[in-house]
Amino acid sequence: MKFVIDECVEKQIVIHLRREGYEVIYIPEVFPEASDEEVVDLAIKENSILITTDKDFFEHIFRSGSIPGGAILLRLAGISNMNKAELTTSTINKRAKDIMSSFTVISPNSVRIRKTSW
């Protein structure tokens, strides 16, 4: 499973996912200040799941229906970066098959997954 992670996502999440063996493209490392469209294009090109915390960005993706790999919106405000990383990684590990080609919202007390039709 491969991820493109938006610049608004904490580095700790990137580190945790890489430790678990996932391939991660972290926008600040490869394409600083990329536009939303450029991030989406990269996720499509890499056939990756996009991870972001930007709800407006996520809504744009949802409306356009343009990420075949899927997208994850992290709604984890108010918890430590370490807890965010652990929750995100454990959710991905447990629900990997479900999140592929889906729109997923991860929050402290719930995970919502909506399959896409692409």
PDB file of N, CA and C in Angstrom:
ATOM      1  N   MET A   1       0.853  -1.169   0.000  1.00  0.00           N
ATOM      2  CA  MET A   1       0.000   0.000   0.000  1.00  0.00           C
ATOM      3  C   MET A   1       0.902   1.235   0.000  1.00  0.00           C
ATOM      4  N   LYS A   2       0.519   2.203  -0.802  1.00  0.00           N
ATOM      5  CA  LYS A   2       1.334   3.399  -0.997  1.00  0.00           C
ATOM      6  C   LYS A   2       0.499   4.625  -0.659  1.00  0.00           C
ATOM      7  N   PHE A   3       1.155   5.627  -0.047  1.00  0.00           N
ATOM      8  CA  PHE A   3       0.474   6.845   0.381  1.00  0.00           C
ATOM      9  C   PHE A   3       1.182   8.088  -0.124  1.00  0.00           C
ATOM     10  N   VAL A   4       0.380   9.090  -0.471  1.00  0.00           N
ATOM     11  CA  VAL A   4       0.857  10.458  -0.662  1.00  0.00           C
ATOM     12  C   VAL A   4       0.285  11.230   0.517  1.00  0.00           C
ATOM     13  N   ILE A   5       1.170  11.863   1.288  1.00  0.00           N
ATOM     14  CA  ILE A   5       0.735  12.545   2.495  1.00  0.00           C
ATOM     15  C   ILE A   5       0.936  14.048   2.336  1.00  0.00           C
ATOM     16  N   ASP A   6      -0.148  14.770   2.503  1.00  0.00           N
ATOM     17  CA  ASP A   6      -0.191  16.220   2.352  1.00  0.00           C
ATOM     18  C   ASP A   6       0.687  16.904   3.403  1.00  0.00           C
ATOM     19  N   GLU A   7       1.097  18.121   3.107  1.00  0.00           N
ATOM     20  CA  GLU A   7       2.003  18.845   3.994  1.00  0.00           C
ATOM     21  C   GLU A   7       1.385  19.219   5.341  1.00  0.00           C
ATOM     22  N   CYS A   8       0.082  19.189   5.465  1.00  0.00           N
ATOM     23  CA  CYS A   8      -0.564  19.551   6.726  1.00  0.00           C
ATOM     24  C   CYS A   8      -0.571  18.400   7.735  1.00  0.00           C
ATOM     25  N   VAL A   9      -0.111  17.229   7.337  1.00  0.00           N
ATOM     26  CA  VAL A   9      -0.081  16.056   8.206  1.00  0.00           C
ATOM     27  C   VAL A   9       1.252  16.010   8.954  1.00  0.00           C
ATOM     28  N   GLU A  10       1.177  15.683  10.239  1.00  0.00           N
ATOM     29  CA  GLU A  10       2.370  15.656  11.083  1.00  0.00           C
ATOM     30  C   GLU A  10       3.375  14.605  10.629  1.00  0.00           C
ATOM     31  N   LYS A  11       4.635  14.951  10.699  1.00  0.00           N
ATOM     32  CA  LYS A  11       5.735  14.067  10.293  1.00  0.00           C
ATOM     33  C   LYS A  11       5.719  12.753  11.077  1.00  0.00           C
ATOM     34  N   GLN A  12       5.265  12.789  12.330  1.00  0.00           N
ATOM     35  CA  GLN A  12       5.229  11.582  13.150  1.00  0.00           C
ATOM     36  C   GLN A  12       4.391  10.483  12.485  1.00  0.00           C
ATOM     37  N   ILE A  13       3.338  10.868  11.814  1.00  0.00           N
ATOM     38  CA  ILE A  13       2.502   9.894  11.104  1.00  0.00           C
ATOM     39  C   ILE A  13       3.290   9.266   9.959  1.00  0.00           C
ATOM     40  N   VAL A  14       4.028  10.067   9.243  1.00  0.00           N
ATOM     41  CA  VAL A  14       4.871   9.586   8.147  1.00  0.00           C
ATOM     42  C   VAL A  14       5.882   8.573   8.685  1.00  0.00           C
ATOM     43  N   ILE A  15       6.532   8.918   9.778  1.00  0.00           N
ATOM     44  CA  ILE A  15       7.545   8.044  10.384  1.00  0.00           C
ATOM     45  C   ILE A  15       6.927   6.702  10.778  1.00  0.00           C
ATOM     46  N   HIS A  16       5.774   6.749  11.439  1.00  0.00           N
ATOM     47  CA  HIS A  16       5.113   5.508  11.870  1.00  0.00           C
ATOM     48  C   HIS A  16       4.741   4.628  10.676  1.00  0.00           C
ATOM     49  N   LEU A  17       4.173   5.220   9.642  1.00  0.00           N
ATOM     50  CA  LEU A  17       3.781   4.428   8.475  1.00  0.00           C
ATOM     51  C   LEU A  17       4.995   3.810   7.795  1.00  0.00           C
ATOM     52  N   ARG A  18       6.073   4.555   7.690  1.00  0.00           N
ATOM     53  CA  ARG A  18       7.291   4.010   7.083  1.00  0.00           C
ATOM     54  C   ARG A  18       7.855   2.866   7.924  1.00  0.00           C
ATOM     55  N   ARG A  19       7.813   3.003   9.229  1.00  0.00           N
ATOM     56  CA  ARG A  19       8.284   1.922  10.116  1.00  0.00           C
ATOM     57  C   ARG A  19       7.474   0.644   9.927  1.00  0.00           C
ATOM     58  N   GLU A  20       6.211   0.794   9.571  1.00  0.00           N
ATOM     59  CA  GLU A  20       5.344  -0.361   9.332  1.00  0.00           C
ATOM     60  C   GLU A  20       5.562  -0.951   7.936  1.00  0.00           C
ATOM     61  N   GLY A  21       6.417  -0.316   7.141  1.00  0.00           N
ATOM     62  CA  GLY A  21       6.751  -0.849   5.829  1.00  0.00           C
ATOM     63  C   GLY A  21       5.970  -0.266   4.673  1.00  0.00           C
ATOM     64  N   TYR A  22       5.155   0.744   4.950  1.00  0.00           N
ATOM     65  CA  TYR A  22       4.394   1.372   3.869  1.00  0.00           C
ATOM     66  C   TYR A  22       5.281   2.328   3.092  1.00  0.00           C
ATOM     67  N   GLU A  23       5.016   2.427   1.803  1.00  0.00           N
ATOM     68  CA  GLU A  23       5.705   3.395   0.964  1.00  0.00           C
ATOM     69  C   GLU A  23       4.974   4.722   1.106  1.00  0.00           C
ATOM     70  N   VAL A  24       5.728   5.761   1.469  1.00  0.00           N
ATOM     71  CA  VAL A  24       5.123   7.068   1.744  1.00  0.00           C
ATOM     72  C   VAL A  24       5.848   8.149   0.955  1.00  0.00           C
ATOM     73  N   ILE A  25       5.082   8.926   0.220  1.00  0.00           N
ATOM     74  CA  ILE A  25       5.592  10.141  -0.417  1.00  0.00           C
ATOM     75  C   ILE A  25       5.046  11.290   0.406  1.00  0.00           C
ATOM     76  N   TYR A  26       5.936  12.014   1.074  1.00  0.00           N
ATOM     77  CA  TYR A  26       5.553  13.127   1.952  1.00  0.00           C
ATOM     78  C   TYR A  26       5.802  14.427   1.209  1.00  0.00           C
ATOM     79  N   ILE A  27       4.742  15.143   0.914  1.00  0.00           N
ATOM     80  CA  ILE A  27       4.813  16.338   0.065  1.00  0.00           C
ATOM     81  C   ILE A  27       5.901  17.329   0.486  1.00  0.00           C
ATOM     82  N   PRO A  28       6.072  17.655   1.785  1.00  0.00           N
ATOM     83  CA  PRO A  28       7.140  18.599   2.136  1.00  0.00           C
ATOM     84  C   PRO A  28       8.545  18.127   1.752  1.00  0.00           C
ATOM     85  N   GLU A  29       8.739  16.823   1.629  1.00  0.00           N
ATOM     86  CA  GLU A  29      10.052  16.290   1.268  1.00  0.00           C
ATOM     87  C   GLU A  29      10.307  16.316  -0.232  1.00  0.00           C
ATOM     88  N   VAL A  30       9.261  16.190  -1.028  1.00  0.00           N
ATOM     89  CA  VAL A  30       9.460  16.039  -2.470  1.00  0.00           C
ATOM     90  C   VAL A  30       8.880  17.169  -3.315  1.00  0.00           C
ATOM     91  N   PHE A  31       7.923  17.907  -2.755  1.00  0.00           N
ATOM     92  CA  PHE A  31       7.232  18.917  -3.551  1.00  0.00           C
ATOM     93  C   PHE A  31       6.687  20.003  -2.630  1.00  0.00           C
ATOM     94  N   PRO A  32       7.574  20.711  -1.912  1.00  0.00           N
ATOM     95  CA  PRO A  32       7.108  21.730  -0.962  1.00  0.00           C
ATOM     96  C   PRO A  32       6.198  22.754  -1.633  1.00  0.00           C
ATOM     97  N   GLU A  33       5.166  23.132  -0.919  1.00  0.00           N
ATOM     98  CA  GLU A  33       4.214  24.148  -1.361  1.00  0.00           C
ATOM     99  C   GLU A  33       3.468  23.767  -2.647  1.00  0.00           C
ATOM    100  N   ALA A  34       3.295  22.476  -2.863  1.00  0.00           N
ATOM    101  CA  ALA A  34       2.532  22.029  -4.020  1.00  0.00           C
ATOM    102  C   ALA A  34       1.078  22.469  -3.867  1.00  0.00           C
ATOM    103  N   SER A  35       0.441  22.773  -4.978  1.00  0.00           N
ATOM    104  CA  SER A  35      -0.972  23.130  -4.939  1.00  0.00           C
ATOM    105  C   SER A  35      -1.795  21.864  -4.693  1.00  0.00           C
ATOM    106  N   ASP A  36      -3.052  22.054  -4.303  1.00  0.00           N
ATOM    107  CA  ASP A  36      -3.943  20.912  -4.105  1.00  0.00           C
ATOM    108  C   ASP A  36      -4.026  20.061  -5.367  1.00  0.00           C
ATOM    109  N   GLU A  37      -4.128  20.710  -6.503  1.00  0.00           N
ATOM    110  CA  GLU A  37      -4.233  19.990  -7.766  1.00  0.00           C
ATOM    111  C   GLU A  37      -2.975  19.170  -8.040  1.00  0.00           C
ATOM    112  N   GLU A  38      -1.814  19.726  -7.714  1.00  0.00           N
ATOM    113  CA  GLU A  38      -0.562  18.998  -7.919  1.00  0.00           C
ATOM    114  C   GLU A  38      -0.464  17.787  -6.995  1.00  0.00           C
ATOM    115  N   VAL A  39      -0.947  17.939  -5.771  1.00  0.00           N
ATOM    116  CA  VAL A  39      -0.949  16.820  -4.829  1.00  0.00           C
ATOM    117  C   VAL A  39      -1.873  15.720  -5.336  1.00  0.00           C
ATOM    118  N   VAL A  40      -3.050  16.095  -5.783  1.00  0.00           N
ATOM    119  CA  VAL A  40      -4.000  15.120  -6.341  1.00  0.00           C
ATOM    120  C   VAL A  40      -3.391  14.427  -7.555  1.00  0.00           C
ATOM    121  N   ASP A  41      -2.786  15.197  -8.446  1.00  0.00           N
ATOM    122  CA  ASP A  41      -2.164  14.619  -9.640  1.00  0.00           C
ATOM    123  C   ASP A  41      -1.081  13.605  -9.265  1.00  0.00           C
ATOM    124  N   LEU A  42      -0.291  13.923  -8.242  1.00  0.00           N
ATOM    125  CA  LEU A  42       0.756  13.003  -7.800  1.00  0.00           C
ATOM    126  C   LEU A  42       0.151  11.717  -7.238  1.00  0.00           C
ATOM    127  N   ALA A  43      -0.894  11.842  -6.438  1.00  0.00           N
ATOM    128  CA  ALA A  43      -1.549  10.650  -5.883  1.00  0.00           C
ATOM    129  C   ALA A  43      -2.111   9.765  -6.996  1.00  0.00           C
ATOM    130  N   ILE A  44      -2.676  10.390  -8.018  1.00  0.00           N
ATOM    131  CA  ILE A  44      -3.204   9.629  -9.155  1.00  0.00           C
ATOM    132  C   ILE A  44      -2.060   8.946  -9.904  1.00  0.00           C
ATOM    133  N   LYS A  45      -1.025   9.707 -10.199  1.00  0.00           N
ATOM    134  CA  LYS A  45       0.129   9.174 -10.936  1.00  0.00           C
ATOM    135  C   LYS A  45       0.749   7.995 -10.194  1.00  0.00           C
ATOM    136  N   GLU A  46       0.843   8.103  -8.882  1.00  0.00           N
ATOM    137  CA  GLU A  46       1.472   7.062  -8.071  1.00  0.00           C
ATOM    138  C   GLU A  46       0.491   5.975  -7.632  1.00  0.00           C
ATOM    139  N   ASN A  47      -0.768   6.092  -8.050  1.00  0.00           N
ATOM    140  CA  ASN A  47      -1.816   5.147  -7.651  1.00  0.00           C
ATOM    141  C   ASN A  47      -1.794   4.934  -6.136  1.00  0.00           C
ATOM    142  N   SER A  48      -1.820   6.050  -5.426  1.00  0.00           N
ATOM    143  CA  SER A  48      -1.661   6.054  -3.978  1.00  0.00           C
ATOM    144  C   SER A  48      -2.913   6.543  -3.276  1.00  0.00           C
ATOM    145  N   ILE A  49      -2.964   6.266  -1.990  1.00  0.00           N
ATOM    146  CA  ILE A  49      -4.006   6.800  -1.133  1.00  0.00           C
ATOM    147  C   ILE A  49      -3.502   8.132  -0.589  1.00  0.00           C
ATOM    148  N   LEU A  50      -4.299   9.156  -0.723  1.00  0.00           N
ATOM    149  CA  LEU A  50      -3.939  10.479  -0.235  1.00  0.00           C
ATOM    150  C   LEU A  50      -4.366  10.621   1.215  1.00  0.00           C
ATOM    151  N   ILE A  51      -3.478  11.123   2.067  1.00  0.00           N
ATOM    152  CA  ILE A  51      -3.809  11.411   3.466  1.00  0.00           C
ATOM    153  C   ILE A  51      -3.674  12.910   3.684  1.00  0.00           C
ATOM    154  N   THR A  52      -4.711  13.511   4.280  1.00  0.00           N
ATOM    155  CA  THR A  52      -4.717  14.951   4.551  1.00  0.00           C
ATOM    156  C   THR A  52      -5.485  15.239   5.835  1.00  0.00           C
ATOM    157  N   THR A  53      -5.292  16.434   6.355  1.00  0.00           N
ATOM    158  CA  THR A  53      -6.099  16.922   7.481  1.00  0.00           C
ATOM    159  C   THR A  53      -6.947  18.102   7.036  1.00  0.00           C
ATOM    160  N   ASP A  54      -6.828  18.478   5.795  1.00  0.00           N
ATOM    161  CA  ASP A  54      -7.493  19.652   5.253  1.00  0.00           C
ATOM    162  C   ASP A  54      -8.886  19.277   4.744  1.00  0.00           C
ATOM    163  N   LYS A  55      -9.903  19.602   5.521  1.00  0.00           N
ATOM    164  CA  LYS A  55     -11.274  19.237   5.170  1.00  0.00           C
ATOM    165  C   LYS A  55     -11.702  19.848   3.834  1.00  0.00           C
ATOM    166  N   ASP A  56     -11.328  21.095   3.589  1.00  0.00           N
ATOM    167  CA  ASP A  56     -11.683  21.727   2.310  1.00  0.00           C
ATOM    168  C   ASP A  56     -11.044  20.981   1.137  1.00  0.00           C
ATOM    169  N   PHE A  57      -9.808  20.585   1.310  1.00  0.00           N
ATOM    170  CA  PHE A  57      -9.091  19.836   0.294  1.00  0.00           C
ATOM    171  C   PHE A  57      -9.796  18.501   0.072  1.00  0.00           C
ATOM    172  N   PHE A  58     -10.169  17.848   1.161  1.00  0.00           N
ATOM    173  CA  PHE A  58     -10.852  16.557   1.088  1.00  0.00           C
ATOM    174  C   PHE A  58     -12.178  16.698   0.361  1.00  0.00           C
ATOM    175  N   GLU A  59     -12.932  17.754   0.651  1.00  0.00           N
ATOM    176  CA  GLU A  59     -14.212  17.970  -0.028  1.00  0.00           C
ATOM    177  C   GLU A  59     -14.009  18.171  -1.522  1.00  0.00           C
ATOM    178  N   HIS A  60     -12.948  18.890  -1.890  1.00  0.00           N
ATOM    179  CA  HIS A  60     -12.614  19.084  -3.305  1.00  0.00           C
ATOM    180  C   HIS A  60     -12.362  17.728  -3.976  1.00  0.00           C
ATOM    181  N   ILE A  61     -11.605  16.885  -3.321  1.00  0.00           N
ATOM    182  CA  ILE A  61     -11.304  15.556  -3.861  1.00  0.00           C
ATOM    183  C   ILE A  61     -12.592  14.756  -3.997  1.00  0.00           C
ATOM    184  N   PHE A  62     -13.411  14.800  -2.947  1.00  0.00           N
ATOM    185  CA  PHE A  62     -14.650  14.025  -2.940  1.00  0.00           C
ATOM    186  C   PHE A  62     -15.554  14.437  -4.095  1.00  0.00           C
ATOM    187  N   ARG A  63     -15.701  15.739  -4.308  1.00  0.00           N
ATOM    188  CA  ARG A  63     -16.567  16.229  -5.384  1.00  0.00           C
ATOM    189  C   ARG A  63     -16.031  15.866  -6.760  1.00  0.00           C
ATOM    190  N   SER A  64     -14.711  15.938  -6.904  1.00  0.00           N
ATOM    191  CA  SER A  64     -14.126  15.666  -8.220  1.00  0.00           C
ATOM    192  C   SER A  64     -14.035  14.171  -8.511  1.00  0.00           C
ATOM    193  N   GLY A  65     -14.035  13.360  -7.454  1.00  0.00           N
ATOM    194  CA  GLY A  65     -13.947  11.910  -7.642  1.00  0.00           C
ATOM    195  C   GLY A  65     -12.692  11.486  -8.365  1.00  0.00           C
ATOM    196  N   SER A  66     -11.581  12.121  -8.019  1.00  0.00           N
ATOM    197  CA  SER A  66     -10.395  11.956  -8.843  1.00  0.00           C
ATOM    198  C   SER A  66      -9.247  11.171  -8.221  1.00  0.00           C
ATOM    199  N   ILE A  67      -9.451  10.511  -7.086  1.00  0.00           N
ATOM    200  CA  ILE A  67      -8.359   9.743  -6.486  1.00  0.00           C
ATOM    201  C   ILE A  67      -8.726   8.260  -6.493  1.00  0.00           C
ATOM    202  N   PRO A  68      -8.320   7.526  -7.517  1.00  0.00           N
ATOM    203  CA  PRO A  68      -8.698   6.120  -7.581  1.00  0.00           C
ATOM    204  C   PRO A  68      -8.174   5.281  -6.418  1.00  0.00           C
ATOM    205  N   GLY A  69      -7.033   5.645  -5.856  1.00  0.00           N
ATOM    206  CA  GLY A  69      -6.476   4.883  -4.740  1.00  0.00           C
ATOM    207  C   GLY A  69      -7.236   5.085  -3.446  1.00  0.00           C
ATOM    208  N   GLY A  70      -7.892   6.241  -3.329  1.00  0.00           N
ATOM    209  CA  GLY A  70      -8.645   6.569  -2.125  1.00  0.00           C
ATOM    210  C   GLY A  70      -8.052   7.774  -1.414  1.00  0.00           C
ATOM    211  N   ALA A  71      -8.728   8.190  -0.358  1.00  0.00           N
ATOM    212  CA  ALA A  71      -8.270   9.341   0.420  1.00  0.00           C
ATOM    213  C   ALA A  71      -8.669   9.147   1.876  1.00  0.00           C
ATOM    214  N   ILE A  72      -7.801   9.630   2.755  1.00  0.00           N
ATOM    215  CA  ILE A  72      -8.059   9.567   4.190  1.00  0.00           C
ATOM    216  C   ILE A  72      -8.007  10.976   4.735  1.00  0.00           C
ATOM    217  N   LEU A  73      -9.062  11.359   5.440  1.00  0.00           N
ATOM    218  CA  LEU A  73      -9.117  12.639   6.139  1.00  0.00           C
ATOM    219  C   LEU A  73      -8.904  12.357   7.618  1.00  0.00           C
ATOM    220  N   LEU A  74      -7.880  12.979   8.188  1.00  0.00           N
ATOM    221  CA  LEU A  74      -7.600  12.823   9.613  1.00  0.00           C
ATOM    222  C   LEU A  74      -8.261  13.959  10.371  1.00  0.00           C
ATOM    223  N   ARG A  75      -9.135  13.638  11.294  1.00  0.00           N
ATOM    224  CA  ARG A  75      -9.824  14.611  12.148  1.00  0.00           C
ATOM    225  C   ARG A  75      -9.395  14.322  13.584  1.00  0.00           C
ATOM    226  N   LEU A  76      -8.149  14.649  13.904  1.00  0.00           N
ATOM    227  CA  LEU A  76      -7.548  14.223  15.166  1.00  0.00           C
ATOM    228  C   LEU A  76      -7.073  15.390  16.028  1.00  0.00           C
ATOM    229  N   ALA A  77      -7.716  16.526  15.900  1.00  0.00           N
ATOM    230  CA  ALA A  77      -7.334  17.696  16.701  1.00  0.00           C
ATOM    231  C   ALA A  77      -7.492  17.373  18.184  1.00  0.00           C
ATOM    232  N   GLY A  78      -6.572  17.900  18.974  1.00  0.00           N
ATOM    233  CA  GLY A  78      -6.685  17.762  20.416  1.00  0.00           C
ATOM    234  C   GLY A  78      -5.982  16.561  21.008  1.00  0.00           C
ATOM    235  N   ILE A  79      -5.367  15.731  20.164  1.00  0.00           N
ATOM    236  CA  ILE A  79      -4.587  14.626  20.718  1.00  0.00           C
ATOM    237  C   ILE A  79      -3.130  14.800  20.308  1.00  0.00           C
ATOM    238  N   SER A  80      -2.227  14.174  21.025  1.00  0.00           N
ATOM    239  CA  SER A  80      -0.795  14.354  20.770  1.00  0.00           C
ATOM    240  C   SER A  80      -0.408  13.790  19.405  1.00  0.00           C
ATOM    241  N   ASN A  81       0.691  14.292  18.874  1.00  0.00           N
ATOM    242  CA  ASN A  81       1.178  13.800  17.584  1.00  0.00           C
ATOM    243  C   ASN A  81       1.483  12.306  17.636  1.00  0.00           C
ATOM    244  N   MET A  82       2.007  11.827  18.766  1.00  0.00           N
ATOM    245  CA  MET A  82       2.293  10.402  18.911  1.00  0.00           C
ATOM    246  C   MET A  82       0.995   9.589  18.859  1.00  0.00           C
ATOM    247  N   ASN A  83      -0.032  10.055  19.547  1.00  0.00           N
ATOM    248  CA  ASN A  83      -1.318   9.357  19.513  1.00  0.00           C
ATOM    249  C   ASN A  83      -1.948   9.413  18.126  1.00  0.00           C
ATOM    250  N   LYS A  84      -1.798  10.540  17.441  1.00  0.00           N
ATOM    251  CA  LYS A  84      -2.293  10.641  16.062  1.00  0.00           C
ATOM    252  C   LYS A  84      -1.617   9.595  15.185  1.00  0.00           C
ATOM    253  N   ALA A  85      -0.308   9.484  15.331  1.00  0.00           N
ATOM    254  CA  ALA A  85       0.460   8.539  14.518  1.00  0.00           C
ATOM    255  C   ALA A  85       0.053   7.099  14.822  1.00  0.00           C
ATOM    256  N   GLU A  86      -0.095   6.786  16.100  1.00  0.00           N
ATOM    257  CA  GLU A  86      -0.467   5.421  16.485  1.00  0.00           C
ATOM    258  C   GLU A  86      -1.877   5.077  16.017  1.00  0.00           C
ATOM    259  N   LEU A  87      -2.805   5.998  16.165  1.00  0.00           N
ATOM    260  CA  LEU A  87      -4.181   5.754  15.747  1.00  0.00           C
ATOM    261  C   LEU A  87      -4.281   5.599  14.230  1.00  0.00           C
ATOM    262  N   THR A  88      -3.611   6.469  13.507  1.00  0.00           N
ATOM    263  CA  THR A  88      -3.635   6.401  12.040  1.00  0.00           C
ATOM    264  C   THR A  88      -3.037   5.089  11.553  1.00  0.00           C
ATOM    265  N   THR A  89      -1.873   4.746  12.067  1.00  0.00           N
ATOM    266  CA  THR A  89      -1.192   3.524  11.641  1.00  0.00           C
ATOM    267  C   THR A  89      -1.992   2.280  11.996  1.00  0.00           C
ATOM    268  N   SER A  90      -2.515   2.220  13.210  1.00  0.00           N
ATOM    269  CA  SER A  90      -3.281   1.028  13.604  1.00  0.00           C
ATOM    270  C   SER A  90      -4.561   0.896  12.785  1.00  0.00           C
ATOM    271  N   THR A  91      -5.201   2.017  12.485  1.00  0.00           N
ATOM    272  CA  THR A  91      -6.406   1.967  11.654  1.00  0.00           C
ATOM    273  C   THR A  91      -6.076   1.457  10.256  1.00  0.00           C
ATOM    274  N   ILE A  92      -5.016   1.961   9.678  1.00  0.00           N
ATOM    275  CA  ILE A  92      -4.612   1.509   8.339  1.00  0.00           C
ATOM    276  C   ILE A  92      -4.256   0.028   8.373  1.00  0.00           C
ATOM    277  N   ASN A  93      -3.519  -0.402   9.385  1.00  0.00           N
ATOM    278  CA  ASN A  93      -3.157  -1.817   9.499  1.00  0.00           C
ATOM    279  C   ASN A  93      -4.399  -2.709   9.595  1.00  0.00           C
ATOM    280  N   LYS A  94      -5.363  -2.297  10.400  1.00  0.00           N
ATOM    281  CA  LYS A  94      -6.556  -3.113  10.633  1.00  0.00           C
ATOM    282  C   LYS A  94      -7.547  -3.062   9.471  1.00  0.00           C
ATOM    283  N   ARG A  95      -7.611  -1.935   8.775  1.00  0.00           N
ATOM    284  CA  ARG A  95      -8.671  -1.721   7.771  1.00  0.00           C
ATOM    285  C   ARG A  95      -8.117  -1.541   6.365  1.00  0.00           C
ATOM    286  N   ALA A  96      -6.929  -2.050   6.100  1.00  0.00           N
ATOM    287  CA  ALA A  96      -6.254  -1.818   4.818  1.00  0.00           C
ATOM    288  C   ALA A  96      -7.137  -2.129   3.615  1.00  0.00           C
ATOM    289  N   LYS A  97      -7.780  -3.275   3.624  1.00  0.00           N
ATOM    290  CA  LYS A  97      -8.619  -3.653   2.473  1.00  0.00           C
ATOM    291  C   LYS A  97      -9.805  -2.710   2.319  1.00  0.00           C
ATOM    292  N   ASP A  98     -10.353  -2.259   3.431  1.00  0.00           N
ATOM    293  CA  ASP A  98     -11.522  -1.381   3.392  1.00  0.00           C
ATOM    294  C   ASP A  98     -11.201   0.017   2.866  1.00  0.00           C
ATOM    295  N   ILE A  99      -9.999   0.527   3.195  1.00  0.00           N
ATOM    296  CA  ILE A  99      -9.704   1.920   2.835  1.00  0.00           C
ATOM    297  C   ILE A  99      -9.239   2.096   1.397  1.00  0.00           C
ATOM    298  N   MET A 100      -8.848   1.004   0.751  1.00  0.00           N
ATOM    299  CA  MET A 100      -8.428   1.129  -0.647  1.00  0.00           C
ATOM    300  C   MET A 100      -9.629   1.498  -1.505  1.00  0.00           C
ATOM    301  N   SER A 101      -9.462   2.488  -2.358  1.00  0.00           N
ATOM    302  CA  SER A 101     -10.521   3.001  -3.238  1.00  0.00           C
ATOM    303  C   SER A 101     -11.733   3.491  -2.455  1.00  0.00           C
ATOM    304  N   SER A 102     -11.471   4.090  -1.303  1.00  0.00           N
ATOM    305  CA  SER A 102     -12.536   4.611  -0.440  1.00  0.00           C
ATOM    306  C   SER A 102     -12.168   6.001   0.057  1.00  0.00           C
ATOM    307  N   PHE A 103     -13.188   6.688   0.543  1.00  0.00           N
ATOM    308  CA  PHE A 103     -12.978   7.911   1.296  1.00  0.00           C
ATOM    309  C   PHE A 103     -13.129   7.531   2.758  1.00  0.00           C
ATOM    310  N   THR A 104     -12.097   7.781   3.542  1.00  0.00           N
ATOM    311  CA  THR A 104     -12.074   7.377   4.941  1.00  0.00           C
ATOM    312  C   THR A 104     -11.856   8.602   5.817  1.00  0.00           C
ATOM    313  N   VAL A 105     -12.582   8.661   6.917  1.00  0.00           N
ATOM    314  CA  VAL A 105     -12.391   9.706   7.917  1.00  0.00           C
ATOM    315  C   VAL A 105     -12.010   9.016   9.216  1.00  0.00           C
ATOM    316  N   ILE A 106     -10.838   9.371   9.734  1.00  0.00           N
ATOM    317  CA  ILE A 106     -10.375   8.817  10.999  1.00  0.00           C
ATOM    318  C   ILE A 106     -10.460   9.909  12.048  1.00  0.00           C
ATOM    319  N   SER A 107     -11.211   9.646  13.100  1.00  0.00           N
ATOM    320  CA  SER A 107     -11.301  10.556  14.238  1.00  0.00           C
ATOM    321  C   SER A 107     -10.996   9.752  15.500  1.00  0.00           C
ATOM    322  N   PRO A 108     -10.815  10.418  16.642  1.00  0.00           N
ATOM    323  CA  PRO A 108     -10.421   9.684  17.856  1.00  0.00           C
ATOM    324  C   PRO A 108     -11.383   8.562  18.243  1.00  0.00           C
ATOM    325  N   ASN A 109     -12.659   8.716  17.972  1.00  0.00           N
ATOM    326  CA  ASN A 109     -13.636   7.733  18.427  1.00  0.00           C
ATOM    327  C   ASN A 109     -14.349   6.972  17.317  1.00  0.00           C
ATOM    328  N   SER A 110     -13.950   7.220  16.060  1.00  0.00           N
ATOM    329  CA  SER A 110     -14.640   6.515  14.982  1.00  0.00           C
ATOM    330  C   SER A 110     -13.817   6.498  13.698  1.00  0.00           C
ATOM    331  N   VAL A 111     -14.182   5.549  12.854  1.00  0.00           N
ATOM    332  CA  VAL A 111     -13.625   5.463  11.500  1.00  0.00           C
ATOM    333  C   VAL A 111     -14.824   5.302  10.571  1.00  0.00           C
ATOM    334  N   ARG A 112     -14.946   6.225   9.617  1.00  0.00           N
ATOM    335  CA  ARG A 112     -16.022   6.146   8.632  1.00  0.00           C
ATOM    336  C   ARG A 112     -15.400   5.874   7.273  1.00  0.00           C
ATOM    337  N   ILE A 113     -15.940   4.891   6.584  1.00  0.00           N
ATOM    338  CA  ILE A 113     -15.410   4.516   5.289  1.00  0.00           C
ATOM    339  C   ILE A 113     -16.554   4.522   4.280  1.00  0.00           C
ATOM    340  N   ARG A 114     -16.312   5.206   3.191  1.00  0.00           N
ATOM    341  CA  ARG A 114     -17.292   5.268   2.108  1.00  0.00           C
ATOM    342  C   ARG A 114     -16.608   4.808   0.825  1.00  0.00           C
ATOM    343  N   LYS A 115     -17.048   3.694   0.287  1.00  0.00           N
ATOM    344  CA  LYS A 115     -16.465   3.175  -0.948  1.00  0.00           C
ATOM    345  C   LYS A 115     -16.768   4.103  -2.115  1.00  0.00           C
ATOM    346  N   THR A 116     -15.813   4.218  -3.012  1.00  0.00           N
ATOM    347  CA  THR A 116     -16.009   5.007  -4.213  1.00  0.00           C
ATOM    348  C   THR A 116     -16.440   4.081  -5.348  1.00  0.00           C
ATOM    349  N   SER A 117     -16.859   4.674  -6.415  1.00  0.00           N
ATOM    350  CA  SER A 117     -17.343   3.865  -7.541  1.00  0.00           C
ATOM    351  C   SER A 117     -16.383   3.895  -8.734  1.00  0.00           C
ATOM    352  N   TRP A 118     -15.119   4.215  -8.505  1.00  0.00           N
ATOM    353  CA  TRP A 118     -14.203   4.280  -9.640  1.00  0.00           C
ATOM    354  C   TRP A 118     -13.700   2.915  -9.990  1.00  0.00           C
TER     355      TRP A 118
END
